Amino acid sequence: MRTSHVYILTNKNHTVLYVGVTSNLIKRIGQHKSKFYKGFTSRYNCDHLMYYRPFDDIREAIIYEKKLKAGNRANKEKLINQINPEWKDLAEGWIF
């Protein structure tokens, strides 16, 4: 079984939050950091991983991603602050 992840990225000033879902977290974060795909995260420099949550079922991950995206910024910040109160890049030191 393959684990999927829902994750939240931000930029260096924490002014933008991006919610995504992936079946390969390390590869996907590497793509964000290298700006492999041109889009929202590359345009707004969202490459700091603030939060991630694993799921055994991709369908559950997608449902959770949609729930987070539909929520407001305050709810996303609360979620980040619960596990990462210093807002450090959780992917720091990862090898991509």
N, C-alpha and C. Protein backbone atom coordinates (compact mmCIF):
# COMPACT_ATOMS: atom_id res chain seq x y z
N MET A 1 0.84 -1.19 0.00
CA MET A 1 0.00 0.00 0.00
C MET A 1 0.88 1.25 0.00
N ARG A 2 0.51 2.21 -0.78
CA ARG A 2 1.28 3.45 -0.92
C ARG A 2 0.67 4.53 -0.04
N THR A 3 1.49 5.23 0.69
CA THR A 3 1.03 6.31 1.54
C THR A 3 0.93 7.60 0.75
N SER A 4 -0.16 8.32 0.96
CA SER A 4 -0.35 9.63 0.35
C SER A 4 -0.24 10.68 1.45
N HIS A 5 0.01 11.91 1.05
CA HIS A 5 0.14 13.00 2.03
C HIS A 5 -0.62 14.24 1.57
N VAL A 6 -1.22 14.92 2.53
CA VAL A 6 -1.72 16.27 2.33
C VAL A 6 -0.71 17.17 3.00
N TYR A 7 -0.37 18.27 2.36
CA TYR A 7 0.69 19.13 2.89
C TYR A 7 0.33 20.60 2.71
N ILE A 8 0.99 21.44 3.52
CA ILE A 8 0.83 22.88 3.41
C ILE A 8 2.22 23.50 3.22
N LEU A 9 2.33 24.34 2.21
CA LEU A 9 3.56 25.08 1.93
C LEU A 9 3.32 26.56 2.16
N THR A 10 4.40 27.28 2.40
CA THR A 10 4.34 28.74 2.47
C THR A 10 5.60 29.31 1.84
N ASN A 11 5.63 30.63 1.73
CA ASN A 11 6.83 31.31 1.24
C ASN A 11 7.65 31.78 2.43
N LYS A 12 8.79 32.41 2.18
CA LYS A 12 9.69 32.77 3.27
C LYS A 12 9.09 33.79 4.24
N ASN A 13 8.15 34.61 3.79
CA ASN A 13 7.52 35.60 4.66
C ASN A 13 6.19 35.13 5.25
N HIS A 14 5.81 33.90 4.91
CA HIS A 14 4.58 33.29 5.42
C HIS A 14 3.32 34.05 5.01
N THR A 15 3.36 34.72 3.89
CA THR A 15 2.21 35.50 3.44
C THR A 15 1.23 34.69 2.58
N VAL A 16 1.69 33.55 2.07
CA VAL A 16 0.85 32.73 1.20
C VAL A 16 0.88 31.30 1.74
N LEU A 17 -0.29 30.65 1.74
CA LEU A 17 -0.37 29.23 2.11
C LEU A 17 -0.91 28.46 0.92
N TYR A 18 -0.32 27.30 0.67
CA TYR A 18 -0.73 26.42 -0.42
C TYR A 18 -0.98 25.04 0.15
N VAL A 19 -2.12 24.45 -0.19
CA VAL A 19 -2.46 23.10 0.25
C VAL A 19 -2.40 22.17 -0.96
N GLY A 20 -1.73 21.02 -0.79
CA GLY A 20 -1.61 20.06 -1.88
C GLY A 20 -1.74 18.64 -1.39
N VAL A 21 -1.82 17.72 -2.32
CA VAL A 21 -1.89 16.29 -2.02
C VAL A 21 -0.95 15.57 -2.98
N THR A 22 -0.30 14.52 -2.49
CA THR A 22 0.64 13.78 -3.33
C THR A 22 0.76 12.35 -2.84
N SER A 23 1.20 11.48 -3.73
CA SER A 23 1.48 10.09 -3.35
C SER A 23 2.98 9.88 -3.15
N ASN A 24 3.79 10.95 -3.36
CA ASN A 24 5.23 10.86 -3.13
C ASN A 24 5.69 12.21 -2.58
N LEU A 25 5.65 12.35 -1.26
CA LEU A 25 5.91 13.64 -0.62
C LEU A 25 7.30 14.17 -0.90
N ILE A 26 8.32 13.35 -0.75
CA ILE A 26 9.68 13.83 -0.94
C ILE A 26 9.90 14.33 -2.37
N LYS A 27 9.45 13.55 -3.35
CA LYS A 27 9.60 13.96 -4.74
C LYS A 27 8.83 15.25 -5.01
N ARG A 28 7.60 15.34 -4.50
CA ARG A 28 6.77 16.51 -4.78
C ARG A 28 7.33 17.78 -4.14
N ILE A 29 7.83 17.68 -2.91
CA ILE A 29 8.42 18.84 -2.28
C ILE A 29 9.68 19.27 -3.03
N GLY A 30 10.45 18.31 -3.50
CA GLY A 30 11.61 18.62 -4.33
C GLY A 30 11.21 19.38 -5.59
N GLN A 31 10.09 18.98 -6.18
CA GLN A 31 9.60 19.69 -7.38
C GLN A 31 9.21 21.12 -7.05
N HIS A 32 8.56 21.30 -5.89
CA HIS A 32 8.21 22.67 -5.48
C HIS A 32 9.46 23.51 -5.25
N LYS A 33 10.44 22.95 -4.58
CA LYS A 33 11.67 23.69 -4.26
C LYS A 33 12.46 24.06 -5.52
N SER A 34 12.43 23.19 -6.51
CA SER A 34 13.17 23.46 -7.76
C SER A 34 12.32 24.20 -8.79
N LYS A 35 11.07 24.48 -8.43
CA LYS A 35 10.13 25.14 -9.34
C LYS A 35 10.00 24.38 -10.66
N PHE A 36 9.94 23.05 -10.53
CA PHE A 36 9.85 22.15 -11.68
C PHE A 36 8.62 22.47 -12.52
N TYR A 37 7.49 22.71 -11.85
CA TYR A 37 6.26 23.08 -12.55
C TYR A 37 6.02 24.57 -12.36
N LYS A 38 5.68 25.24 -13.43
CA LYS A 38 5.38 26.66 -13.36
C LYS A 38 3.90 26.80 -13.02
N GLY A 39 3.61 27.42 -11.91
CA GLY A 39 2.23 27.59 -11.48
C GLY A 39 2.18 28.41 -10.20
N PHE A 40 1.15 28.19 -9.42
CA PHE A 40 0.93 28.97 -8.21
C PHE A 40 2.12 28.96 -7.27
N THR A 41 2.63 27.77 -6.94
CA THR A 41 3.70 27.69 -5.94
C THR A 41 5.00 28.30 -6.45
N SER A 42 5.30 28.18 -7.73
CA SER A 42 6.52 28.80 -8.24
C SER A 42 6.33 30.32 -8.34
N ARG A 43 5.15 30.76 -8.73
CA ARG A 43 4.87 32.19 -8.85
C ARG A 43 4.97 32.90 -7.50
N TYR A 44 4.48 32.24 -6.45
CA TYR A 44 4.46 32.86 -5.12
C TYR A 44 5.56 32.32 -4.20
N ASN A 45 6.50 31.60 -4.77
CA ASN A 45 7.67 31.08 -4.04
C ASN A 45 7.29 30.26 -2.81
N CYS A 46 6.27 29.44 -2.94
CA CYS A 46 5.85 28.56 -1.85
C CYS A 46 6.69 27.29 -1.92
N ASP A 47 7.72 27.23 -1.08
CA ASP A 47 8.59 26.06 -1.09
C ASP A 47 9.05 25.66 0.31
N HIS A 48 8.39 26.19 1.34
CA HIS A 48 8.69 25.83 2.72
C HIS A 48 7.57 24.93 3.25
N LEU A 49 7.91 23.70 3.58
CA LEU A 49 6.91 22.74 4.07
C LEU A 49 6.61 23.03 5.54
N MET A 50 5.35 23.35 5.81
CA MET A 50 4.94 23.70 7.17
C MET A 50 4.20 22.58 7.87
N TYR A 51 3.52 21.73 7.10
CA TYR A 51 2.64 20.70 7.67
C TYR A 51 2.48 19.59 6.66
N TYR A 52 2.39 18.37 7.16
CA TYR A 52 1.96 17.26 6.30
C TYR A 52 1.32 16.19 7.15
N ARG A 53 0.40 15.47 6.51
CA ARG A 53 -0.33 14.40 7.19
C ARG A 53 -0.44 13.21 6.25
N PRO A 54 -0.05 12.02 6.73
CA PRO A 54 -0.12 10.83 5.88
C PRO A 54 -1.52 10.21 5.87
N PHE A 55 -1.83 9.55 4.78
CA PHE A 55 -3.08 8.81 4.60
C PHE A 55 -2.77 7.50 3.90
N ASP A 56 -3.44 6.44 4.30
CA ASP A 56 -3.29 5.15 3.63
C ASP A 56 -4.11 5.09 2.34
N ASP A 57 -5.14 5.91 2.25
CA ASP A 57 -6.05 5.89 1.11
C ASP A 57 -6.02 7.26 0.43
N ILE A 58 -5.65 7.29 -0.83
CA ILE A 58 -5.56 8.55 -1.57
C ILE A 58 -6.90 9.26 -1.61
N ARG A 59 -7.99 8.50 -1.63
CA ARG A 59 -9.32 9.14 -1.67
C ARG A 59 -9.57 9.93 -0.39
N GLU A 60 -9.16 9.38 0.75
CA GLU A 60 -9.30 10.11 2.01
C GLU A 60 -8.41 11.36 2.01
N ALA A 61 -7.23 11.24 1.44
CA ALA A 61 -6.32 12.38 1.36
C ALA A 61 -6.93 13.50 0.53
N ILE A 62 -7.54 13.14 -0.58
CA ILE A 62 -8.15 14.15 -1.46
C ILE A 62 -9.32 14.83 -0.76
N ILE A 63 -10.12 14.07 -0.03
CA ILE A 63 -11.23 14.66 0.73
C ILE A 63 -10.70 15.65 1.76
N TYR A 64 -9.63 15.27 2.46
CA TYR A 64 -9.04 16.15 3.47
C TYR A 64 -8.43 17.40 2.83
N GLU A 65 -7.77 17.22 1.70
CA GLU A 65 -7.19 18.36 0.97
C GLU A 65 -8.29 19.36 0.62
N LYS A 66 -9.40 18.87 0.09
CA LYS A 66 -10.50 19.76 -0.29
C LYS A 66 -11.08 20.48 0.92
N LYS A 67 -11.14 19.77 2.05
CA LYS A 67 -11.64 20.38 3.28
C LYS A 67 -10.71 21.52 3.72
N LEU A 68 -9.39 21.27 3.67
CA LEU A 68 -8.44 22.33 4.04
C LEU A 68 -8.51 23.51 3.08
N LYS A 69 -8.58 23.23 1.80
CA LYS A 69 -8.63 24.31 0.81
C LYS A 69 -9.89 25.16 0.98
N ALA A 70 -10.99 24.54 1.39
CA ALA A 70 -12.24 25.27 1.58
C ALA A 70 -12.24 26.09 2.87
N GLY A 71 -11.35 25.75 3.78
CA GLY A 71 -11.28 26.46 5.06
C GLY A 71 -10.57 27.78 4.93
N ASN A 72 -10.62 28.54 6.01
CA ASN A 72 -9.97 29.85 5.99
C ASN A 72 -8.51 29.75 6.45
N ARG A 73 -7.80 30.83 6.28
CA ARG A 73 -6.38 30.88 6.63
C ARG A 73 -6.15 30.62 8.12
N ALA A 74 -7.01 31.15 8.96
CA ALA A 74 -6.85 30.98 10.41
C ALA A 74 -6.85 29.50 10.80
N ASN A 75 -7.69 28.71 10.16
CA ASN A 75 -7.73 27.28 10.46
C ASN A 75 -6.45 26.59 10.01
N LYS A 76 -5.91 27.00 8.88
CA LYS A 76 -4.65 26.42 8.40
C LYS A 76 -3.50 26.81 9.34
N GLU A 77 -3.49 28.06 9.77
CA GLU A 77 -2.45 28.50 10.71
C GLU A 77 -2.53 27.74 12.03
N LYS A 78 -3.73 27.51 12.50
CA LYS A 78 -3.92 26.76 13.75
C LYS A 78 -3.35 25.34 13.60
N LEU A 79 -3.62 24.72 12.48
CA LEU A 79 -3.10 23.37 12.20
C LEU A 79 -1.58 23.38 12.18
N ILE A 80 -0.99 24.35 11.52
CA ILE A 80 0.47 24.46 11.47
C ILE A 80 1.03 24.67 12.86
N ASN A 81 0.44 25.60 13.60
CA ASN A 81 0.94 25.93 14.94
C ASN A 81 0.89 24.75 15.91
N GLN A 82 -0.03 23.82 15.69
CA GLN A 82 -0.12 22.64 16.56
C GLN A 82 1.10 21.74 16.43
N ILE A 83 1.64 21.61 15.24
CA ILE A 83 2.77 20.69 15.05
C ILE A 83 4.08 21.39 14.72
N ASN A 84 4.00 22.66 14.32
CA ASN A 84 5.19 23.38 13.88
C ASN A 84 5.09 24.85 14.31
N PRO A 85 5.06 25.10 15.62
CA PRO A 85 4.83 26.47 16.11
C PRO A 85 5.89 27.48 15.70
N GLU A 86 7.08 27.03 15.37
CA GLU A 86 8.14 27.96 14.94
C GLU A 86 8.14 28.18 13.43
N TRP A 87 7.26 27.51 12.73
CA TRP A 87 7.12 27.62 11.28
C TRP A 87 8.46 27.36 10.59
N LYS A 88 9.12 26.30 11.00
CA LYS A 88 10.37 25.89 10.34
C LYS A 88 10.02 25.02 9.15
N ASP A 89 10.88 25.03 8.15
CA ASP A 89 10.69 24.19 6.97
C ASP A 89 10.93 22.74 7.38
N LEU A 90 9.86 21.94 7.38
CA LEU A 90 9.96 20.54 7.81
C LEU A 90 10.76 19.70 6.84
N ALA A 91 11.00 20.21 5.65
CA ALA A 91 11.77 19.46 4.65
C ALA A 91 13.25 19.85 4.66
N GLU A 92 13.64 20.70 5.58
CA GLU A 92 15.03 21.09 5.66
C GLU A 92 15.90 19.86 5.92
N GLY A 93 16.93 19.69 5.11
CA GLY A 93 17.82 18.54 5.25
C GLY A 93 17.40 17.33 4.44
N TRP A 94 16.21 17.37 3.84
CA TRP A 94 15.79 16.26 2.99
C TRP A 94 16.64 16.24 1.72
N ILE A 95 16.86 15.05 1.21
CA ILE A 95 17.58 14.90 -0.06
C ILE A 95 16.57 14.59 -1.14
N PHE A 96 16.56 15.42 -2.18
CA PHE A 96 15.56 15.28 -3.25
C PHE A 96 16.16 14.66 -4.49
